[in-house]
Amino acid sequence: QVQLVESGGGLVQPGGSLRLSCAASGSGFSILRMRWYRQTPGNERELVATITSGGSTTYADSVKGRFTISRNNALNTVYLQMNSLKPEDTAVYYCNALHVWGQGTQVTVSS
């Protein structure tokens, strides 16, 4: 059974950067398709970025060119590098694999 733990959220000014991490426990991480979602109060979770086992990536239009998803299979970790952050990026960010979710990490973009 995979378990996921996110870290790296916080408060950042508009235009700033953050890097989120998602550490996975359990076996088989390298074959998993990993995703980052985000959610704001009263809204459904929005898919932000996906990375396949082979390293192929896809992004929501709203974050293309600003966010980068990557993975380190030796460390069982997936990352989300977020640059040029905007106030509308404020949300709780969740890591996902199959039916498993992390607890989420809050990202707040505000001056």
PDB file of N, CA and C in Angstrom:
ATOM      1  N   GLN A   1       0.843  -1.190   0.000  1.00  0.00           N
ATOM      2  CA  GLN A   1       0.000   0.000   0.000  1.00  0.00           C
ATOM      3  C   GLN A   1       0.880   1.243   0.000  1.00  0.00           C
ATOM      4  N   VAL A   2       0.696   2.092  -0.990  1.00  0.00           N
ATOM      5  CA  VAL A   2       1.467   3.321  -1.078  1.00  0.00           C
ATOM      6  C   VAL A   2       0.881   4.365  -0.140  1.00  0.00           C
ATOM      7  N   GLN A   3       1.746   5.104   0.523  1.00  0.00           N
ATOM      8  CA  GLN A   3       1.347   6.270   1.303  1.00  0.00           C
ATOM      9  C   GLN A   3       2.118   7.467   0.784  1.00  0.00           C
ATOM     10  N   LEU A   4       1.458   8.634   0.800  1.00  0.00           N
ATOM     11  CA  LEU A   4       2.046   9.843   0.232  1.00  0.00           C
ATOM     12  C   LEU A   4       2.058  10.959   1.266  1.00  0.00           C
ATOM     13  N   VAL A   5       3.184  11.687   1.353  1.00  0.00           N
ATOM     14  CA  VAL A   5       3.304  12.801   2.287  1.00  0.00           C
ATOM     15  C   VAL A   5       3.877  13.998   1.551  1.00  0.00           C
ATOM     16  N   GLU A   6       3.079  15.075   1.477  1.00  0.00           N
ATOM     17  CA  GLU A   6       3.532  16.298   0.815  1.00  0.00           C
ATOM     18  C   GLU A   6       4.237  17.232   1.793  1.00  0.00           C
ATOM     19  N   SER A   7       5.106  18.065   1.250  1.00  0.00           N
ATOM     20  CA  SER A   7       5.767  19.105   2.027  1.00  0.00           C
ATOM     21  C   SER A   7       6.181  20.228   1.089  1.00  0.00           C
ATOM     22  N   GLY A   8       6.548  21.367   1.677  1.00  0.00           N
ATOM     23  CA  GLY A   8       7.094  22.459   0.881  1.00  0.00           C
ATOM     24  C   GLY A   8       6.171  23.630   0.659  1.00  0.00           C
ATOM     25  N   GLY A   9       4.928  23.548   1.128  1.00  0.00           N
ATOM     26  CA  GLY A   9       4.025  24.670   0.968  1.00  0.00           C
ATOM     27  C   GLY A   9       4.406  25.833   1.866  1.00  0.00           C
ATOM     28  N   GLY A  10       3.697  26.945   1.676  1.00  0.00           N
ATOM     29  CA  GLY A  10       3.960  28.110   2.505  1.00  0.00           C
ATOM     30  C   GLY A  10       3.400  29.370   1.882  1.00  0.00           C
ATOM     31  N   LEU A  11       3.835  30.497   2.437  1.00  0.00           N
ATOM     32  CA  LEU A  11       3.411  31.812   1.979  1.00  0.00           C
ATOM     33  C   LEU A  11       4.510  32.411   1.110  1.00  0.00           C
ATOM     34  N   VAL A  12       4.141  32.888  -0.073  1.00  0.00           N
ATOM     35  CA  VAL A  12       5.109  33.470  -0.992  1.00  0.00           C
ATOM     36  C   VAL A  12       4.474  34.668  -1.674  1.00  0.00           C
ATOM     37  N   GLN A  13       5.309  35.644  -2.026  1.00  0.00           N
ATOM     38  CA  GLN A  13       4.800  36.825  -2.718  1.00  0.00           C
ATOM     39  C   GLN A  13       4.548  36.526  -4.190  1.00  0.00           C
ATOM     40  N   PRO A  14       3.659  37.265  -4.820  1.00  0.00           N
ATOM     41  CA  PRO A  14       3.454  37.098  -6.267  1.00  0.00           C
ATOM     42  C   PRO A  14       4.776  37.230  -7.015  1.00  0.00           C
ATOM     43  N   GLY A  15       4.974  36.333  -7.979  1.00  0.00           N
ATOM     44  CA  GLY A  15       6.220  36.286  -8.728  1.00  0.00           C
ATOM     45  C   GLY A  15       7.262  35.388  -8.123  1.00  0.00           C
ATOM     46  N   GLY A  16       7.012  34.911  -6.927  1.00  0.00           N
ATOM     47  CA  GLY A  16       7.962  34.049  -6.241  1.00  0.00           C
ATOM     48  C   GLY A  16       7.867  32.598  -6.668  1.00  0.00           C
ATOM     49  N   SER A  17       8.667  31.765  -5.992  1.00  0.00           N
ATOM     50  CA  SER A  17       8.748  30.346  -6.330  1.00  0.00           C
ATOM     51  C   SER A  17       8.629  29.490  -5.076  1.00  0.00           C
ATOM     52  N   LEU A  18       8.141  28.289  -5.272  1.00  0.00           N
ATOM     53  CA  LEU A  18       8.116  27.249  -4.241  1.00  0.00           C
ATOM     54  C   LEU A  18       8.354  25.915  -4.915  1.00  0.00           C
ATOM     55  N   ARG A  19       8.905  24.984  -4.165  1.00  0.00           N
ATOM     56  CA  ARG A  19       9.020  23.609  -4.649  1.00  0.00           C
ATOM     57  C   ARG A  19       8.320  22.687  -3.665  1.00  0.00           C
ATOM     58  N   LEU A  20       7.315  21.990  -4.156  1.00  0.00           N
ATOM     59  CA  LEU A  20       6.610  20.994  -3.360  1.00  0.00           C
ATOM     60  C   LEU A  20       7.251  19.632  -3.570  1.00  0.00           C
ATOM     61  N   SER A  21       7.239  18.848  -2.501  1.00  0.00           N
ATOM     62  CA  SER A  21       7.732  17.470  -2.568  1.00  0.00           C
ATOM     63  C   SER A  21       6.646  16.523  -2.113  1.00  0.00           C
ATOM     64  N   CYS A  22       6.666  15.327  -2.672  1.00  0.00           N
ATOM     65  CA  CYS A  22       5.729  14.275  -2.270  1.00  0.00           C
ATOM     66  C   CYS A  22       6.540  12.997  -2.123  1.00  0.00           C
ATOM     67  N   ALA A  23       6.685  12.562  -0.889  1.00  0.00           N
ATOM     68  CA  ALA A  23       7.447  11.346  -0.598  1.00  0.00           C
ATOM     69  C   ALA A  23       6.501  10.157  -0.504  1.00  0.00           C
ATOM     70  N   ALA A  24       6.839   9.100  -1.221  1.00  0.00           N
ATOM     71  CA  ALA A  24       6.007   7.903  -1.253  1.00  0.00           C
ATOM     72  C   ALA A  24       6.674   6.778  -0.489  1.00  0.00           C
ATOM     73  N   SER A  25       5.880   6.078   0.308  1.00  0.00           N
ATOM     74  CA  SER A  25       6.365   4.876   0.966  1.00  0.00           C
ATOM     75  C   SER A  25       5.693   3.674   0.331  1.00  0.00           C
ATOM     76  N   GLY A  26       6.264   2.502   0.521  1.00  0.00           N
ATOM     77  CA  GLY A  26       5.735   1.315  -0.124  1.00  0.00           C
ATOM     78  C   GLY A  26       6.496   1.020  -1.400  1.00  0.00           C
ATOM     79  N   SER A  27       6.177  -0.079  -1.997  1.00  0.00           N
ATOM     80  CA  SER A  27       6.930  -0.531  -3.162  1.00  0.00           C
ATOM     81  C   SER A  27       6.253  -0.106  -4.462  1.00  0.00           C
ATOM     82  N   GLY A  28       7.049  -0.124  -5.529  1.00  0.00           N
ATOM     83  CA  GLY A  28       6.490   0.097  -6.847  1.00  0.00           C
ATOM     84  C   GLY A  28       6.371   1.530  -7.280  1.00  0.00           C
ATOM     85  N   PHE A  29       7.040   2.451  -6.563  1.00  0.00           N
ATOM     86  CA  PHE A  29       6.896   3.870  -6.907  1.00  0.00           C
ATOM     87  C   PHE A  29       7.259   4.136  -8.359  1.00  0.00           C
ATOM     88  N   SER A  30       8.311   3.495  -8.833  1.00  0.00           N
ATOM     89  CA  SER A  30       8.837   3.839 -10.155  1.00  0.00           C
ATOM     90  C   SER A  30       7.861   3.557 -11.285  1.00  0.00           C
ATOM     91  N   ILE A  31       6.885   2.688 -11.064  1.00  0.00           N
ATOM     92  CA  ILE A  31       5.939   2.367 -12.131  1.00  0.00           C
ATOM     93  C   ILE A  31       4.659   3.175 -12.038  1.00  0.00           C
ATOM     94  N   LEU A  32       4.558   4.005 -11.019  1.00  0.00           N
ATOM     95  CA  LEU A  32       3.323   4.751 -10.797  1.00  0.00           C
ATOM     96  C   LEU A  32       3.277   6.034 -11.610  1.00  0.00           C
ATOM     97  N   ARG A  33       2.110   6.328 -12.144  1.00  0.00           N
ATOM     98  CA  ARG A  33       1.840   7.639 -12.710  1.00  0.00           C
ATOM     99  C   ARG A  33       1.490   8.549 -11.545  1.00  0.00           C
ATOM    100  N   MET A  34       2.193   9.649 -11.410  1.00  0.00           N
ATOM    101  CA  MET A  34       2.016  10.552 -10.282  1.00  0.00           C
ATOM    102  C   MET A  34       1.369  11.848 -10.747  1.00  0.00           C
ATOM    103  N   ARG A  35       0.519  12.385  -9.906  1.00  0.00           N
ATOM    104  CA  ARG A  35      -0.198  13.612 -10.248  1.00  0.00           C
ATOM    105  C   ARG A  35      -0.179  14.602  -9.090  1.00  0.00           C
ATOM    106  N   TRP A  36      -0.205  15.859  -9.416  1.00  0.00           N
ATOM    107  CA  TRP A  36      -0.452  16.942  -8.453  1.00  0.00           C
ATOM    108  C   TRP A  36      -1.807  17.566  -8.786  1.00  0.00           C
ATOM    109  N   TYR A  37      -2.619  17.724  -7.751  1.00  0.00           N
ATOM    110  CA  TYR A  37      -3.894  18.411  -7.847  1.00  0.00           C
ATOM    111  C   TYR A  37      -3.855  19.609  -6.903  1.00  0.00           C
ATOM    112  N   ARG A  38      -4.811  20.508  -7.077  1.00  0.00           N
ATOM    113  CA  ARG A  38      -4.997  21.586  -6.113  1.00  0.00           C
ATOM    114  C   ARG A  38      -6.494  21.844  -5.931  1.00  0.00           C
ATOM    115  N   GLN A  39      -6.805  22.404  -4.761  1.00  0.00           N
ATOM    116  CA  GLN A  39      -8.209  22.633  -4.423  1.00  0.00           C
ATOM    117  C   GLN A  39      -8.335  23.912  -3.614  1.00  0.00           C
ATOM    118  N   THR A  40      -9.333  24.717  -3.961  1.00  0.00           N
ATOM    119  CA  THR A  40      -9.695  25.896  -3.190  1.00  0.00           C
ATOM    120  C   THR A  40     -11.059  25.660  -2.569  1.00  0.00           C
ATOM    121  N   PRO A  41     -11.367  26.374  -1.486  1.00  0.00           N
ATOM    122  CA  PRO A  41     -12.644  26.144  -0.779  1.00  0.00           C
ATOM    123  C   PRO A  41     -13.844  26.270  -1.706  1.00  0.00           C
ATOM    124  N   GLY A  42     -14.723  25.284  -1.626  1.00  0.00           N
ATOM    125  CA  GLY A  42     -15.946  25.295  -2.405  1.00  0.00           C
ATOM    126  C   GLY A  42     -15.810  24.810  -3.828  1.00  0.00           C
ATOM    127  N   ASN A  43     -14.598  24.403  -4.195  1.00  0.00           N
ATOM    128  CA  ASN A  43     -14.354  23.952  -5.569  1.00  0.00           C
ATOM    129  C   ASN A  43     -13.838  22.521  -5.595  1.00  0.00           C
ATOM    130  N   GLU A  44     -13.985  21.877  -6.752  1.00  0.00           N
ATOM    131  CA  GLU A  44     -13.466  20.522  -6.919  1.00  0.00           C
ATOM    132  C   GLU A  44     -11.947  20.583  -7.093  1.00  0.00           C
ATOM    133  N   ARG A  45     -11.326  19.443  -6.843  1.00  0.00           N
ATOM    134  CA  ARG A  45      -9.881  19.360  -7.073  1.00  0.00           C
ATOM    135  C   ARG A  45      -9.587  19.488  -8.557  1.00  0.00           C
ATOM    136  N   GLU A  46      -8.553  20.260  -8.844  1.00  0.00           N
ATOM    137  CA  GLU A  46      -8.144  20.532 -10.219  1.00  0.00           C
ATOM    138  C   GLU A  46      -6.830  19.825 -10.493  1.00  0.00           C
ATOM    139  N   LEU A  47      -6.763  19.076 -11.589  1.00  0.00           N
ATOM    140  CA  LEU A  47      -5.513  18.429 -11.964  1.00  0.00           C
ATOM    141  C   LEU A  47      -4.529  19.490 -12.460  1.00  0.00           C
ATOM    142  N   VAL A  48      -3.354  19.509 -11.863  1.00  0.00           N
ATOM    143  CA  VAL A  48      -2.339  20.508 -12.181  1.00  0.00           C
ATOM    144  C   VAL A  48      -1.273  19.934 -13.114  1.00  0.00           C
ATOM    145  N   ALA A  49      -0.757  18.759 -12.757  1.00  0.00           N
ATOM    146  CA  ALA A  49       0.343  18.185 -13.540  1.00  0.00           C
ATOM    147  C   ALA A  49       0.397  16.679 -13.329  1.00  0.00           C
ATOM    148  N   THR A  50       0.888  15.990 -14.363  1.00  0.00           N
ATOM    149  CA  THR A  50       1.028  14.530 -14.345  1.00  0.00           C
ATOM    150  C   THR A  50       2.405  14.146 -14.864  1.00  0.00           C
ATOM    151  N   ILE A  51       2.982  13.107 -14.264  1.00  0.00           N
ATOM    152  CA  ILE A  51       4.223  12.544 -14.788  1.00  0.00           C
ATOM    153  C   ILE A  51       4.085  11.028 -14.814  1.00  0.00           C
ATOM    154  N   THR A  52       4.399  10.442 -15.963  1.00  0.00           N
ATOM    155  CA  THR A  52       4.302   8.995 -16.112  1.00  0.00           C
ATOM    156  C   THR A  52       5.551   8.306 -15.567  1.00  0.00           C
ATOM    157  N   SER A  53       5.518   6.980 -15.556  1.00  0.00           N
ATOM    158  CA  SER A  53       6.690   6.227 -15.107  1.00  0.00           C
ATOM    159  C   SER A  53       7.887   6.481 -16.013  1.00  0.00           C
ATOM    160  N   GLY A  54       7.622   6.793 -17.264  1.00  0.00           N
ATOM    161  CA  GLY A  54       8.695   7.062 -18.214  1.00  0.00           C
ATOM    162  C   GLY A  54       9.164   8.498 -18.227  1.00  0.00           C
ATOM    163  N   GLY A  55       8.511   9.350 -17.440  1.00  0.00           N
ATOM    164  CA  GLY A  55       8.936  10.738 -17.341  1.00  0.00           C
ATOM    165  C   GLY A  55       8.195  11.708 -18.239  1.00  0.00           C
ATOM    166  N   SER A  56       7.191  11.247 -18.964  1.00  0.00           N
ATOM    167  CA  SER A  56       6.393  12.165 -19.773  1.00  0.00           C
ATOM    168  C   SER A  56       5.515  13.015 -18.866  1.00  0.00           C
ATOM    169  N   THR A  57       5.353  14.280 -19.241  1.00  0.00           N
ATOM    170  CA  THR A  57       4.629  15.213 -18.382  1.00  0.00           C
ATOM    171  C   THR A  57       3.514  15.922 -19.142  1.00  0.00           C
ATOM    172  N   THR A  58       2.463  16.263 -18.421  1.00  0.00           N
ATOM    173  CA  THR A  58       1.392  17.099 -18.952  1.00  0.00           C
ATOM    174  C   THR A  58       0.992  18.090 -17.866  1.00  0.00           C
ATOM    175  N   TYR A  59       0.446  19.230 -18.319  1.00  0.00           N
ATOM    176  CA  TYR A  59       0.109  20.322 -17.412  1.00  0.00           C
ATOM    177  C   TYR A  59      -1.242  20.938 -17.744  1.00  0.00           C
ATOM    178  N   ALA A  60      -1.883  21.474 -16.716  1.00  0.00           N
ATOM    179  CA  ALA A  60      -3.057  22.307 -16.940  1.00  0.00           C
ATOM    180  C   ALA A  60      -2.615  23.576 -17.669  1.00  0.00           C
ATOM    181  N   ASP A  61      -3.494  24.094 -18.511  1.00  0.00           N
ATOM    182  CA  ASP A  61      -3.160  25.299 -19.274  1.00  0.00           C
ATOM    183  C   ASP A  61      -2.783  26.457 -18.349  1.00  0.00           C
ATOM    184  N   SER A  62      -3.409  26.504 -17.186  1.00  0.00           N
ATOM    185  CA  SER A  62      -3.205  27.626 -16.276  1.00  0.00           C
ATOM    186  C   SER A  62      -1.795  27.661 -15.682  1.00  0.00           C
ATOM    187  N   VAL A  63      -1.051  26.555 -15.758  1.00  0.00           N
ATOM    188  CA  VAL A  63       0.280  26.519 -15.142  1.00  0.00           C
ATOM    189  C   VAL A  63       1.389  26.232 -16.149  1.00  0.00           C
ATOM    190  N   LYS A  64       1.040  25.992 -17.401  1.00  0.00           N
ATOM    191  CA  LYS A  64       2.063  25.697 -18.417  1.00  0.00           C
ATOM    192  C   LYS A  64       3.083  26.827 -18.495  1.00  0.00           C
ATOM    193  N   GLY A  65       4.345  26.428 -18.549  1.00  0.00           N
ATOM    194  CA  GLY A  65       5.423  27.404 -18.640  1.00  0.00           C
ATOM    195  C   GLY A  65       5.858  27.964 -17.307  1.00  0.00           C
ATOM    196  N   ARG A  66       5.097  27.680 -16.240  1.00  0.00           N
ATOM    197  CA  ARG A  66       5.439  28.187 -14.904  1.00  0.00           C
ATOM    198  C   ARG A  66       5.756  27.061 -13.932  1.00  0.00           C
ATOM    199  N   PHE A  67       5.067  25.931 -14.059  1.00  0.00           N
ATOM    200  CA  PHE A  67       5.243  24.799 -13.146  1.00  0.00           C
ATOM    201  C   PHE A  67       5.969  23.666 -13.870  1.00  0.00           C
ATOM    202  N   THR A  68       6.766  22.914 -13.112  1.00  0.00           N
ATOM    203  CA  THR A  68       7.459  21.747 -13.648  1.00  0.00           C
ATOM    204  C   THR A  68       7.325  20.585 -12.675  1.00  0.00           C
ATOM    205  N   ILE A  69       6.816  19.471 -13.171  1.00  0.00           N
ATOM    206  CA  ILE A  69       6.729  18.255 -12.366  1.00  0.00           C
ATOM    207  C   ILE A  69       7.920  17.366 -12.718  1.00  0.00           C
ATOM    208  N   SER A  70       8.496  16.740 -11.703  1.00  0.00           N
ATOM    209  CA  SER A  70       9.624  15.843 -11.927  1.00  0.00           C
ATOM    210  C   SER A  70       9.586  14.746 -10.870  1.00  0.00           C
ATOM    211  N   ARG A  71      10.424  13.738 -11.050  1.00  0.00           N
ATOM    212  CA  ARG A  71      10.432  12.634 -10.094  1.00  0.00           C
ATOM    213  C   ARG A  71      11.849  12.114  -9.929  1.00  0.00           C
ATOM    214  N   ASN A  72      12.119  11.578  -8.740  1.00  0.00           N
ATOM    215  CA  ASN A  72      13.372  10.901  -8.440  1.00  0.00           C
ATOM    216  C   ASN A  72      13.002   9.526  -7.911  1.00  0.00           C
ATOM    217  N   ASN A  73      13.113   8.532  -8.769  1.00  0.00           N
ATOM    218  CA  ASN A  73      12.679   7.190  -8.375  1.00  0.00           C
ATOM    219  C   ASN A  73      13.587   6.590  -7.295  1.00  0.00           C
ATOM    220  N   ALA A  74      14.835   7.005  -7.242  1.00  0.00           N
ATOM    221  CA  ALA A  74      15.735   6.496  -6.210  1.00  0.00           C
ATOM    222  C   ALA A  74      15.308   6.971  -4.822  1.00  0.00           C
ATOM    223  N   LEU A  75      14.653   8.141  -4.778  1.00  0.00           N
ATOM    224  CA  LEU A  75      14.189   8.700  -3.505  1.00  0.00           C
ATOM    225  C   LEU A  75      12.691   8.530  -3.293  1.00  0.00           C
ATOM    226  N   ASN A  76      12.018   7.855  -4.246  1.00  0.00           N
ATOM    227  CA  ASN A  76      10.556   7.684  -4.150  1.00  0.00           C
ATOM    228  C   ASN A  76       9.849   9.021  -3.952  1.00  0.00           C
ATOM    229  N   THR A  77      10.255  10.023  -4.703  1.00  0.00           N
ATOM    230  CA  THR A  77       9.736  11.365  -4.498  1.00  0.00           C
ATOM    231  C   THR A  77       9.367  12.011  -5.833  1.00  0.00           C
ATOM    232  N   VAL A  78       8.254  12.743  -5.812  1.00  0.00           N
ATOM    233  CA  VAL A  78       7.855  13.549  -6.959  1.00  0.00           C
ATOM    234  C   VAL A  78       7.823  15.004  -6.504  1.00  0.00           C
ATOM    235  N   TYR A  79       8.186  15.906  -7.398  1.00  0.00           N
ATOM    236  CA  TYR A  79       8.302  17.316  -7.078  1.00  0.00           C
ATOM    237  C   TYR A  79       7.391  18.151  -7.972  1.00  0.00           C
ATOM    238  N   LEU A  80       7.047  19.333  -7.479  1.00  0.00           N
ATOM    239  CA  LEU A  80       6.367  20.317  -8.296  1.00  0.00           C
ATOM    240  C   LEU A  80       7.076  21.654  -8.069  1.00  0.00           C
ATOM    241  N   GLN A  81       7.862  22.066  -9.058  1.00  0.00           N
ATOM    242  CA  GLN A  81       8.531  23.363  -9.005  1.00  0.00           C
ATOM    243  C   GLN A  81       7.574  24.403  -9.549  1.00  0.00           C
ATOM    244  N   MET A  82       7.273  25.394  -8.737  1.00  0.00           N
ATOM    245  CA  MET A  82       6.302  26.424  -9.102  1.00  0.00           C
ATOM    246  C   MET A  82       7.004  27.774  -9.157  1.00  0.00           C
ATOM    247  N   ASN A  83       7.048  28.371 -10.337  1.00  0.00           N
ATOM    248  CA  ASN A  83       7.683  29.669 -10.537  1.00  0.00           C
ATOM    249  C   ASN A  83       6.640  30.694 -10.972  1.00  0.00           C
ATOM    250  N   SER A  84       7.005  31.950 -10.877  1.00  0.00           N
ATOM    251  CA  SER A  84       6.111  33.048 -11.295  1.00  0.00           C
ATOM    252  C   SER A  84       4.725  32.876 -10.692  1.00  0.00           C
ATOM    253  N   LEU A  85       4.690  32.621  -9.417  1.00  0.00           N
ATOM    254  CA  LEU A  85       3.418  32.334  -8.751  1.00  0.00           C
ATOM    255  C   LEU A  85       2.491  33.532  -8.760  1.00  0.00           C
ATOM    256  N   LYS A  86       1.197  33.222  -8.862  1.00  0.00           N
ATOM    257  CA  LYS A  86       0.150  34.237  -8.911  1.00  0.00           C
ATOM    258  C   LYS A  86      -0.808  34.027  -7.744  1.00  0.00           C
ATOM    259  N   PRO A  87      -1.533  35.052  -7.334  1.00  0.00           N
ATOM    260  CA  PRO A  87      -2.510  34.865  -6.251  1.00  0.00           C
ATOM    261  C   PRO A  87      -3.510  33.753  -6.555  1.00  0.00           C
ATOM    262  N   GLU A  88      -3.860  33.569  -7.813  1.00  0.00           N
ATOM    263  CA  GLU A  88      -4.822  32.514  -8.166  1.00  0.00           C
ATOM    264  C   GLU A  88      -4.244  31.108  -8.046  1.00  0.00           C
ATOM    265  N   ASP A  89      -2.945  30.981  -7.779  1.00  0.00           N
ATOM    266  CA  ASP A  89      -2.355  29.675  -7.502  1.00  0.00           C
ATOM    267  C   ASP A  89      -2.558  29.261  -6.043  1.00  0.00           C
ATOM    268  N   THR A  90      -3.088  30.154  -5.234  1.00  0.00           N
ATOM    269  CA  THR A  90      -3.354  29.836  -3.838  1.00  0.00           C
ATOM    270  C   THR A  90      -4.337  28.681  -3.738  1.00  0.00           C
ATOM    271  N   ALA A  91      -3.953  27.633  -3.021  1.00  0.00           N
ATOM    272  CA  ALA A  91      -4.769  26.430  -2.898  1.00  0.00           C
ATOM    273  C   ALA A  91      -4.074  25.445  -1.970  1.00  0.00           C
ATOM    274  N   VAL A  92      -4.787  24.393  -1.633  1.00  0.00           N
ATOM    275  CA  VAL A  92      -4.154  23.228  -1.014  1.00  0.00           C
ATOM    276  C   VAL A  92      -3.741  22.297  -2.153  1.00  0.00           C
ATOM    277  N   TYR A  93      -2.491  21.905  -2.155  1.00  0.00           N
ATOM    278  CA  TYR A  93      -1.943  21.052  -3.208  1.00  0.00           C
ATOM    279  C   TYR A  93      -1.826  19.622  -2.692  1.00  0.00           C
ATOM    280  N   TYR A  94      -2.307  18.688  -3.510  1.00  0.00           N
ATOM    281  CA  TYR A  94      -2.329  17.274  -3.143  1.00  0.00           C
ATOM    282  C   TYR A  94      -1.542  16.453  -4.156  1.00  0.00           C
ATOM    283  N   CYS A  95      -0.857  15.463  -3.636  1.00  0.00           N
ATOM    284  CA  CYS A  95      -0.175  14.471  -4.446  1.00  0.00           C
ATOM    285  C   CYS A  95      -1.084  13.241  -4.564  1.00  0.00           C
ATOM    286  N   ASN A  96      -1.051  12.608  -5.729  1.00  0.00           N
ATOM    287  CA  ASN A  96      -1.944  11.468  -5.967  1.00  0.00           C
ATOM    288  C   ASN A  96      -1.255  10.392  -6.781  1.00  0.00           C
ATOM    289  N   ALA A  97      -1.539   9.137  -6.401  1.00  0.00           N
ATOM    290  CA  ALA A  97      -1.141   7.975  -7.187  1.00  0.00           C
ATOM    291  C   ALA A  97      -2.245   6.927  -7.043  1.00  0.00           C
ATOM    292  N   LEU A  98      -2.771   6.484  -8.165  1.00  0.00           N
ATOM    293  CA  LEU A  98      -3.895   5.535  -8.161  1.00  0.00           C
ATOM    294  C   LEU A  98      -5.031   6.130  -7.333  1.00  0.00           C
ATOM    295  N   HIS A  99      -5.459   5.417  -6.288  1.00  0.00           N
ATOM    296  CA  HIS A  99      -6.539   5.904  -5.447  1.00  0.00           C
ATOM    297  C   HIS A  99      -6.027   6.530  -4.157  1.00  0.00           C
ATOM    298  N   VAL A 100      -4.716   6.728  -4.053  1.00  0.00           N
ATOM    299  CA  VAL A 100      -4.102   7.199  -2.818  1.00  0.00           C
ATOM    300  C   VAL A 100      -3.825   8.704  -2.905  1.00  0.00           C
ATOM    301  N   TRP A 101      -4.138   9.418  -1.798  1.00  0.00           N
ATOM    302  CA  TRP A 101      -3.923  10.853  -1.714  1.00  0.00           C
ATOM    303  C   TRP A 101      -3.059  11.185  -0.512  1.00  0.00           C
ATOM    304  N   GLY A 102      -2.258  12.233  -0.659  1.00  0.00           N
ATOM    305  CA  GLY A 102      -1.566  12.768   0.496  1.00  0.00           C
ATOM    306  C   GLY A 102      -2.511  13.643   1.308  1.00  0.00           C
ATOM    307  N   GLN A 103      -1.970  14.236   2.381  1.00  0.00           N
ATOM    308  CA  GLN A 103      -2.784  15.054   3.273  1.00  0.00           C
ATOM    309  C   GLN A 103      -2.933  16.479   2.779  1.00  0.00           C
ATOM    310  N   GLY A 104      -2.116  16.860   1.803  1.00  0.00           N
ATOM    311  CA  GLY A 104      -2.186  18.198   1.243  1.00  0.00           C
ATOM    312  C   GLY A 104      -1.227  19.160   1.911  1.00  0.00           C
ATOM    313  N   THR A 105      -0.817  20.172   1.155  1.00  0.00           N
ATOM    314  CA  THR A 105       0.038  21.224   1.686  1.00  0.00           C
ATOM    315  C   THR A 105      -0.475  22.561   1.156  1.00  0.00           C
ATOM    316  N   GLN A 106      -0.587  23.532   2.057  1.00  0.00           N
ATOM    317  CA  GLN A 106      -1.174  24.827   1.703  1.00  0.00           C
ATOM    318  C   GLN A 106      -0.138  25.707   1.006  1.00  0.00           C
ATOM    319  N   VAL A 107      -0.541  26.275  -0.112  1.00  0.00           N
ATOM    320  CA  VAL A 107       0.260  27.278  -0.817  1.00  0.00           C
ATOM    321  C   VAL A 107      -0.552  28.567  -0.855  1.00  0.00           C
ATOM    322  N   THR A 108       0.023  29.639  -0.331  1.00  0.00           N
ATOM    323  CA  THR A 108      -0.638  30.936  -0.330  1.00  0.00           C
ATOM    324  C   THR A 108       0.252  31.951  -1.035  1.00  0.00           C
ATOM    325  N   VAL A 109      -0.290  32.580  -2.063  1.00  0.00           N
ATOM    326  CA  VAL A 109       0.454  33.585  -2.826  1.00  0.00           C
ATOM    327  C   VAL A 109      -0.198  34.935  -2.549  1.00  0.00           C
ATOM    328  N   SER A 110       0.524  35.774  -1.815  1.00  0.00           N
ATOM    329  CA  SER A 110      -0.054  37.047  -1.390  1.00  0.00           C
ATOM    330  C   SER A 110       1.050  38.018  -1.032  1.00  0.00           C
ATOM    331  N   SER A 111       0.783  39.298  -1.271  1.00  0.00           N
ATOM    332  CA  SER A 111       1.739  40.319  -0.876  1.00  0.00           C
ATOM    333  C   SER A 111       1.383  40.870   0.495  1.00  0.00           C
TER     334      SER A 111
END
